Amino acid sequence: MGAMLSRSGETGQAILSNHNHLYVGWVRSGRIIVDGTSSVRTLVLNRPQQLNALSYQMISNLLEKFVSYEDDPSVKLVILKGQGRAFCSGGDLLSVAQIGTTEGRWDVCSKYFRVEYTLNYIMATNETPQVSILNGIIMGGGTGISIHGRFRIATEKTYFAMPETTRGIFPVVGASYFLSKLPGFFGEYIGLTGPRLDGAEMLACGLATHFVPSKALPSLEKELSKVDTLDPSVICAMIDWFAQKVPLMDNSAYHRLDVINRCFSRRTIEEILSALENEAEHGADAWLSKAIKSLNSASPISLKICLRSIREGRVQGLDKCLIREYRMSCHALLEKFSQDFYEVCQLHKFHCSCP
């Protein structure tokens, strides 16, 4: 796993060359639409009925494209967006898990994560600027293919959440890295309780770099299609022209970052929950009640793993975080520490927004 995160494109190419050896029985639907000019490529996640959940085929195609663009001096900008009402609802982990449980093909599951996390790393270190247009739902694995990019554009339609702990797993795709870099302990709050954030909150905490009204996106994309430089300041200036400053809603939890810091800086889940309950005794805001309810309903082992992962992410680089999260993901599917994920899948029969 460590070797796959080498900065050179050779490792990504090696993974791509082995695609024919992978089991593809469950890679049936979903594709990437490629469009653009000679210097700008627009990649569209085209699986709208599944909210653009990432199949193996999709992450493989994305990795192939990003590796090729890095080696192509004519490509100056990559735009990534989703078809329909979602940017990306996460990885189609339920399909991955079913292959493991029904056919015992755990090698397929590990290769899914291997390719996905390689893609996350390539996106984070790619010299070709990436603009992700988050005009809709973004969850789980959708954060991994966007937050690591240089520019992340939120709109009034943006719906961000990382609800993994309530589904028996934990945030991965480099989440322990980027959540740990948010102001104060807001990252712990997001990872542990899975709240919904709107575009303004994403912008305020740094998950988004810009806020652009959805009606202005066609004009922005038209302007970006003219890019003929790798200079991020030029691209940023283009986006700035369409961007707006938006106020937080009165009930946004980000207004109470002081309370979040007092509670989520505690050492253990039990101490965090106790601190939240103490705060609630002095008047429970809606976000506070939801946080307590979420912690009480989440998988206990998932909460503990999530907290430790984010804390380790505070002192690790992205490469170390992805290596650790790869191991965590494989252990989760092999049920080495908990059956919570499979129990939740059987109960709800959903496509999980996660790795």
Protein backbone atom coordinates (compact mmCIF):
# COMPACT_ATOMS: atom_id res chain seq x y z
CA MET A 1 0.00 0.00 0.00
CA GLY A 2 2.81 2.38 0.82
CA ALA A 3 4.34 1.87 -2.61
CA MET A 4 1.11 2.72 -4.34
CA LEU A 5 1.27 6.22 -2.90
CA SER A 6 4.52 7.02 -4.64
CA ARG A 7 4.28 10.48 -6.21
CA SER A 8 5.45 9.26 -9.60
CA GLY A 9 2.76 8.19 -12.04
CA GLU A 10 4.40 4.78 -12.43
CA THR A 11 2.50 3.18 -9.56
CA GLY A 12 -0.85 4.46 -10.76
CA GLN A 13 -0.04 3.11 -14.21
CA ALA A 14 0.90 -0.24 -12.69
CA ILE A 15 -2.46 -0.48 -10.96
CA LEU A 16 -4.23 0.42 -14.18
CA SER A 17 -2.34 -2.25 -16.11
CA ASN A 18 -3.68 -4.89 -13.73
CA HIS A 19 -7.37 -4.09 -14.30
CA ASN A 20 -7.88 -7.16 -16.44
CA HIS A 21 -7.04 -9.35 -13.47
CA LEU A 22 -9.88 -7.96 -11.37
CA TYR A 23 -13.24 -9.62 -10.97
CA VAL A 24 -15.74 -7.48 -12.88
CA GLY A 25 -19.04 -9.28 -12.33
CA TRP A 26 -20.32 -6.47 -10.10
CA VAL A 27 -18.97 -3.63 -12.28
CA ARG A 28 -21.99 -3.17 -14.48
CA SER A 29 -23.42 0.33 -14.27
CA GLY A 30 -22.07 3.83 -14.09
CA ARG A 31 -19.66 5.70 -16.28
CA ILE A 32 -17.73 8.93 -16.69
CA ILE A 33 -18.62 11.42 -19.42
CA VAL A 34 -15.58 13.27 -20.73
CA ASP A 35 -15.91 16.64 -22.43
CA GLY A 36 -13.84 19.76 -22.88
CA THR A 37 -11.47 21.80 -24.97
CA SER A 38 -7.89 21.06 -25.86
CA SER A 39 -6.65 22.45 -22.54
CA VAL A 40 -9.61 21.79 -20.20
CA ARG A 41 -11.22 18.45 -19.43
CA THR A 42 -14.66 18.15 -17.83
CA LEU A 43 -15.43 14.82 -16.17
CA VAL A 44 -19.08 14.14 -15.30
CA LEU A 45 -20.11 11.38 -12.90
CA ASN A 46 -23.00 9.84 -14.80
CA ARG A 47 -24.89 7.53 -12.51
CA PRO A 48 -27.72 9.84 -11.43
CA GLN A 49 -30.22 7.19 -10.36
CA GLN A 50 -27.69 5.95 -7.78
CA LEU A 51 -26.78 9.55 -6.83
CA ASN A 52 -23.48 8.98 -8.63
CA ALA A 53 -22.32 6.38 -6.11
CA LEU A 54 -18.82 5.29 -7.12
CA SER A 55 -18.61 1.88 -8.74
CA TYR A 56 -15.25 0.24 -9.33
CA GLN A 57 -15.54 1.10 -13.00
CA MET A 58 -15.97 4.78 -12.16
CA ILE A 59 -13.00 5.09 -9.81
CA SER A 60 -10.85 3.13 -12.27
CA ASN A 61 -11.84 5.47 -15.09
CA LEU A 62 -11.16 8.51 -12.94
CA LEU A 63 -7.73 7.23 -11.93
CA GLU A 64 -6.85 6.49 -15.55
CA LYS A 65 -7.91 9.99 -16.59
CA PHE A 66 -6.06 11.82 -13.83
CA VAL A 67 -2.85 9.86 -14.41
CA SER A 68 -3.00 10.56 -18.15
CA TYR A 69 -3.73 14.26 -17.61
CA GLU A 70 -0.75 14.60 -15.30
CA ASP A 71 1.45 13.33 -18.11
CA ASP A 72 -0.20 15.48 -20.78
CA PRO A 73 1.25 19.03 -20.87
CA SER A 74 -1.67 20.23 -22.99
CA VAL A 75 -4.16 19.69 -20.15
CA LYS A 76 -4.24 22.75 -17.87
CA LEU A 77 -7.42 22.19 -15.85
CA VAL A 78 -9.76 19.35 -14.83
CA ILE A 79 -13.38 20.07 -13.89
CA LEU A 80 -15.27 17.38 -11.97
CA LYS A 81 -19.03 17.42 -11.44
CA GLY A 82 -22.03 15.12 -11.11
CA GLN A 83 -25.08 14.49 -13.27
CA GLY A 84 -28.43 15.09 -11.58
CA ARG A 85 -29.08 16.18 -8.02
CA ALA A 86 -25.91 14.73 -6.53
CA PHE A 87 -22.23 15.37 -6.96
CA CYS A 88 -21.46 11.96 -5.44
CA SER A 89 -23.19 10.12 -2.61
CA GLY A 90 -20.12 8.02 -1.83
CA GLY A 91 -18.64 4.65 -2.68
CA ASP A 92 -20.94 1.81 -3.69
CA LEU A 93 -19.58 -0.16 -0.77
CA LEU A 94 -22.62 -2.40 -0.43
CA SER A 95 -21.88 -3.93 -3.83
CA VAL A 96 -18.26 -4.41 -2.81
CA ALA A 97 -19.22 -6.05 0.46
CA GLN A 98 -21.68 -8.39 -1.25
CA ILE A 99 -18.91 -9.79 -3.44
CA GLY A 100 -16.86 -10.45 -0.34
CA THR A 101 -19.65 -12.11 1.65
CA THR A 102 -21.35 -14.10 -1.12
CA GLU A 103 -18.32 -15.15 -3.16
CA GLY A 104 -15.46 -14.78 -0.71
CA ARG A 105 -13.60 -12.47 -3.08
CA TRP A 106 -11.99 -10.27 -0.45
CA ASP A 107 -9.15 -9.57 -2.87
CA VAL A 108 -11.66 -7.68 -5.00
CA CYS A 109 -12.72 -5.59 -2.02
CA SER A 110 -9.15 -4.67 -1.12
CA LYS A 111 -8.39 -3.71 -4.73
CA TYR A 112 -11.44 -1.44 -4.78
CA PHE A 113 -10.02 0.47 -1.82
CA ARG A 114 -6.52 0.36 -3.26
CA VAL A 115 -7.58 2.01 -6.51
CA GLU A 116 -9.88 4.51 -4.74
CA TYR A 117 -7.27 5.68 -2.26
CA THR A 118 -4.64 5.88 -4.98
CA LEU A 119 -7.06 8.13 -6.87
CA ASN A 120 -7.48 10.31 -3.77
CA TYR A 121 -3.71 10.69 -3.45
CA ILE A 122 -3.20 11.44 -7.15
CA MET A 123 -5.88 14.14 -6.95
CA ALA A 124 -4.23 15.69 -3.91
CA THR A 125 -0.75 15.81 -5.44
CA ASN A 126 -1.59 16.39 -9.10
CA GLU A 127 0.00 19.54 -10.50
CA THR A 128 -2.95 19.99 -12.87
CA PRO A 129 -5.53 22.10 -11.00
CA GLN A 130 -8.87 20.47 -10.25
CA VAL A 131 -12.18 22.31 -9.88
CA SER A 132 -14.93 20.26 -8.23
CA ILE A 133 -18.46 21.61 -8.61
CA LEU A 134 -20.42 20.39 -5.59
CA ASN A 135 -23.90 21.33 -6.78
CA GLY A 136 -25.86 18.75 -4.80
CA ILE A 137 -25.34 15.83 -2.44
CA ILE A 138 -21.76 15.04 -1.43
CA MET A 139 -21.09 12.25 1.03
CA GLY A 140 -18.44 9.69 1.96
CA GLY A 141 -16.32 8.75 -1.03
CA GLY A 142 -17.58 11.85 -2.82
CA THR A 143 -15.50 13.92 -0.43
CA GLY A 144 -12.40 11.91 -1.33
CA ILE A 145 -12.64 12.83 -5.03
CA SER A 146 -13.25 16.51 -4.35
CA ILE A 147 -11.88 17.82 -1.04
CA HIS A 148 -8.34 16.81 -1.97
CA GLY A 149 -8.54 18.94 -5.14
CA ARG A 150 -7.42 22.57 -5.24
CA PHE A 151 -10.82 24.24 -5.81
CA ARG A 152 -14.17 23.13 -4.34
CA ILE A 153 -17.24 25.10 -5.35
CA ALA A 154 -20.35 24.90 -3.18
CA THR A 155 -23.80 26.23 -4.08
CA GLU A 156 -27.15 26.75 -2.39
CA LYS A 157 -27.97 23.16 -3.42
CA THR A 158 -24.96 21.62 -1.69
CA TYR A 159 -25.70 18.93 0.89
CA PHE A 160 -22.60 17.60 2.66
CA ALA A 161 -22.58 14.81 5.24
CA MET A 162 -20.35 12.04 6.55
CA PRO A 163 -22.79 9.71 8.37
CA GLU A 164 -20.50 6.70 8.47
CA THR A 165 -20.51 6.12 12.24
CA THR A 166 -24.28 5.60 12.18
CA ARG A 167 -23.74 2.93 9.54
CA GLY A 168 -21.24 0.83 11.39
CA ILE A 169 -18.11 2.19 9.72
CA PHE A 170 -16.04 5.40 9.85
CA PRO A 171 -14.90 8.27 7.60
CA VAL A 172 -12.02 7.31 5.31
CA VAL A 173 -10.85 8.46 1.80
CA GLY A 174 -8.37 10.75 3.56
CA ALA A 175 -10.99 12.16 5.93
CA SER A 176 -8.75 11.75 8.96
CA TYR A 177 -6.41 14.17 7.21
CA PHE A 178 -8.77 16.88 5.98
CA LEU A 179 -11.16 16.75 8.96
CA SER A 180 -8.24 17.20 11.35
CA LYS A 181 -7.23 20.36 9.48
CA LEU A 182 -10.56 22.16 9.99
CA PRO A 183 -10.80 24.98 12.56
CA GLY A 184 -10.64 23.85 16.17
CA PHE A 185 -12.32 20.49 16.65
CA PHE A 186 -15.00 21.00 14.03
CA GLY A 187 -13.60 17.98 12.17
CA GLU A 188 -14.26 15.70 15.14
CA TYR A 189 -17.80 17.08 15.33
CA ILE A 190 -18.40 16.31 11.63
CA GLY A 191 -16.81 12.87 11.66
CA LEU A 192 -18.43 11.63 14.87
CA THR A 193 -21.96 13.01 14.54
CA GLY A 194 -22.42 13.23 10.75
CA PRO A 195 -24.32 16.53 10.59
CA ARG A 196 -25.62 17.95 7.35
CA LEU A 197 -23.68 21.02 6.18
CA ASP A 198 -24.91 23.45 3.57
CA GLY A 199 -22.77 25.38 1.11
CA ALA A 200 -22.28 28.35 3.41
CA GLU A 201 -21.05 26.12 6.24
CA MET A 202 -18.69 24.29 3.90
CA LEU A 203 -17.24 27.63 2.86
CA ALA A 204 -16.95 28.91 6.44
CA CYS A 205 -15.05 25.87 7.72
CA GLY A 206 -12.83 25.49 4.67
CA LEU A 207 -14.27 22.37 3.07
CA ALA A 208 -15.24 24.55 0.12
CA THR A 209 -13.03 27.25 -1.38
CA HIS A 210 -15.84 29.20 -3.08
CA PHE A 211 -19.60 29.66 -3.06
CA VAL A 212 -21.20 30.23 -6.47
CA PRO A 213 -24.98 30.38 -7.05
CA SER A 214 -26.10 27.42 -9.13
CA LYS A 215 -27.61 29.70 -11.79
CA ALA A 216 -24.12 31.11 -12.43
CA LEU A 217 -22.46 27.73 -12.95
CA PRO A 218 -22.98 27.55 -16.75
CA SER A 219 -21.32 30.95 -17.15
CA LEU A 220 -18.50 29.94 -14.81
CA GLU A 221 -17.86 26.73 -16.72
CA LYS A 222 -17.86 28.63 -19.99
CA GLU A 223 -15.22 30.98 -18.58
CA LEU A 224 -13.15 28.12 -17.17
CA SER A 225 -13.17 26.40 -20.56
CA LYS A 226 -10.85 29.20 -21.74
CA VAL A 227 -8.12 28.34 -19.24
CA ASP A 228 -4.75 27.82 -20.87
CA THR A 229 -2.44 27.94 -17.87
CA LEU A 230 -1.55 25.82 -14.85
CA ASP A 231 -1.33 28.95 -12.70
CA PRO A 232 -3.88 28.43 -9.88
CA SER A 233 -4.05 32.16 -9.18
CA VAL A 234 -5.47 32.77 -12.65
CA ILE A 235 -8.08 30.06 -12.20
CA CYS A 236 -8.91 31.35 -8.73
CA ALA A 237 -9.45 34.85 -10.11
CA MET A 238 -11.92 33.47 -12.64
CA ILE A 239 -13.91 31.71 -9.94
CA ASP A 240 -13.73 34.76 -7.68
CA TRP A 241 -15.56 36.77 -10.33
CA PHE A 242 -18.65 34.54 -9.89
CA ALA A 243 -18.26 33.77 -6.19
CA GLN A 244 -20.34 35.29 -3.43
CA LYS A 245 -19.98 35.73 0.29
CA VAL A 246 -22.89 34.05 2.01
CA PRO A 247 -23.93 34.34 5.66
CA LEU A 248 -24.38 31.33 7.88
CA MET A 249 -27.90 30.49 8.95
CA ASP A 250 -28.74 31.55 12.50
CA ASN A 251 -29.01 27.92 13.66
CA SER A 252 -25.68 26.83 12.17
CA ALA A 253 -23.54 24.85 14.60
CA TYR A 254 -20.50 26.71 13.29
CA HIS A 255 -21.67 29.72 15.28
CA ARG A 256 -21.00 27.63 18.39
CA LEU A 257 -17.46 26.60 17.56
CA ASP A 258 -16.49 27.55 21.10
CA VAL A 259 -18.85 24.91 22.51
CA ILE A 260 -17.77 22.38 19.91
CA ASN A 261 -14.14 22.94 20.84
CA ARG A 262 -14.84 22.51 24.56
CA CYS A 263 -16.69 19.25 24.01
CA PHE A 264 -14.97 17.56 21.08
CA SER A 265 -11.46 18.27 22.33
CA ARG A 266 -12.03 15.70 25.08
CA ARG A 267 -9.92 12.56 25.04
CA THR A 268 -12.59 9.85 24.78
CA ILE A 269 -16.06 9.38 23.29
CA GLU A 270 -17.50 9.01 26.77
CA GLU A 271 -15.98 12.33 27.85
CA ILE A 272 -17.22 14.06 24.69
CA LEU A 273 -20.76 12.80 25.24
CA SER A 274 -20.70 13.81 28.90
CA ALA A 275 -19.49 17.30 27.97
CA LEU A 276 -22.27 17.68 25.41
CA GLU A 277 -24.87 16.58 27.95
CA ASN A 278 -23.51 19.10 30.46
CA GLU A 279 -23.82 21.86 27.86
CA ALA A 280 -27.39 20.76 27.11
CA GLU A 281 -28.36 21.24 30.74
CA HIS A 282 -27.83 24.97 30.25
CA GLY A 283 -30.15 25.10 27.26
CA ALA A 284 -30.00 22.69 24.35
CA ASP A 285 -29.70 24.21 20.90
CA ALA A 286 -31.05 22.06 18.07
CA TRP A 287 -27.58 21.12 16.84
CA LEU A 288 -26.57 20.06 20.34
CA SER A 289 -29.56 17.76 20.77
CA LYS A 290 -28.92 16.23 17.34
CA ALA A 291 -25.25 15.64 18.19
CA ILE A 292 -26.13 13.84 21.41
CA LYS A 293 -28.77 11.74 19.65
CA SER A 294 -26.35 10.85 16.87
CA LEU A 295 -23.62 9.73 19.28
CA ASN A 296 -26.09 7.61 21.22
CA SER A 297 -27.36 5.91 18.07
CA ALA A 298 -24.02 5.38 16.35
CA SER A 299 -21.87 2.26 16.45
CA PRO A 300 -19.72 2.53 19.62
CA ILE A 301 -16.71 0.88 18.01
CA SER A 302 -17.06 3.08 14.91
CA LEU A 303 -17.03 6.19 17.10
CA LYS A 304 -13.88 5.14 18.90
CA ILE A 305 -12.09 4.25 15.66
CA CYS A 306 -13.21 7.53 14.04
CA LEU A 307 -11.97 9.64 16.95
CA ARG A 308 -8.58 7.96 17.10
CA SER A 309 -8.23 8.17 13.32
CA ILE A 310 -8.83 11.94 13.23
CA ARG A 311 -6.49 12.48 16.18
CA GLU A 312 -3.75 10.55 14.40
CA GLY A 313 -4.48 12.56 11.26
CA ARG A 314 -3.52 15.73 13.12
CA VAL A 315 0.12 14.63 13.13
CA GLN A 316 0.29 12.66 9.89
CA GLY A 317 0.53 13.52 6.22
CA LEU A 318 -2.11 12.48 3.70
CA ASP A 319 -0.08 9.50 2.53
CA LYS A 320 0.13 8.03 6.05
CA CYS A 321 -3.57 8.70 6.62
CA LEU A 322 -4.59 6.90 3.42
CA ILE A 323 -2.39 3.90 4.22
CA ARG A 324 -3.92 3.61 7.68
CA GLU A 325 -7.46 4.07 6.36
CA TYR A 326 -6.87 1.40 3.71
CA ARG A 327 -6.03 -1.08 6.44
CA MET A 328 -9.02 0.07 8.50
CA SER A 329 -11.38 -0.39 5.53
CA CYS A 330 -10.14 -3.90 4.79
CA HIS A 331 -10.47 -4.91 8.45
CA ALA A 332 -14.00 -3.50 8.55
CA LEU A 333 -15.17 -5.60 5.60
CA LEU A 334 -13.51 -8.70 7.04
CA GLU A 335 -15.48 -8.12 10.29
CA LYS A 336 -12.28 -8.29 12.32
CA PHE A 337 -13.59 -5.96 15.01
CA SER A 338 -17.34 -5.56 14.47
CA GLN A 339 -20.35 -6.80 12.50
CA ASP A 340 -22.14 -3.45 12.80
CA PHE A 341 -21.70 -2.50 9.15
CA TYR A 342 -23.32 -5.70 7.83
CA GLU A 343 -26.11 -5.52 10.36
CA VAL A 344 -26.94 -1.98 9.26
CA CYS A 345 -26.81 -3.02 5.59
CA GLN A 346 -29.25 -5.87 6.20
CA LEU A 347 -31.55 -3.58 8.16
CA HIS A 348 -31.69 -0.68 5.72
CA LYS A 349 -30.61 -2.22 2.39
CA PHE A 350 -28.94 1.01 1.31
CA HIS A 351 -25.91 1.88 -0.77
CA CYS A 352 -23.47 3.13 1.82
CA SER A 353 -21.91 6.57 1.52
CA CYS A 354 -18.43 5.65 2.57
CA PRO A 355 -15.11 4.49 1.13
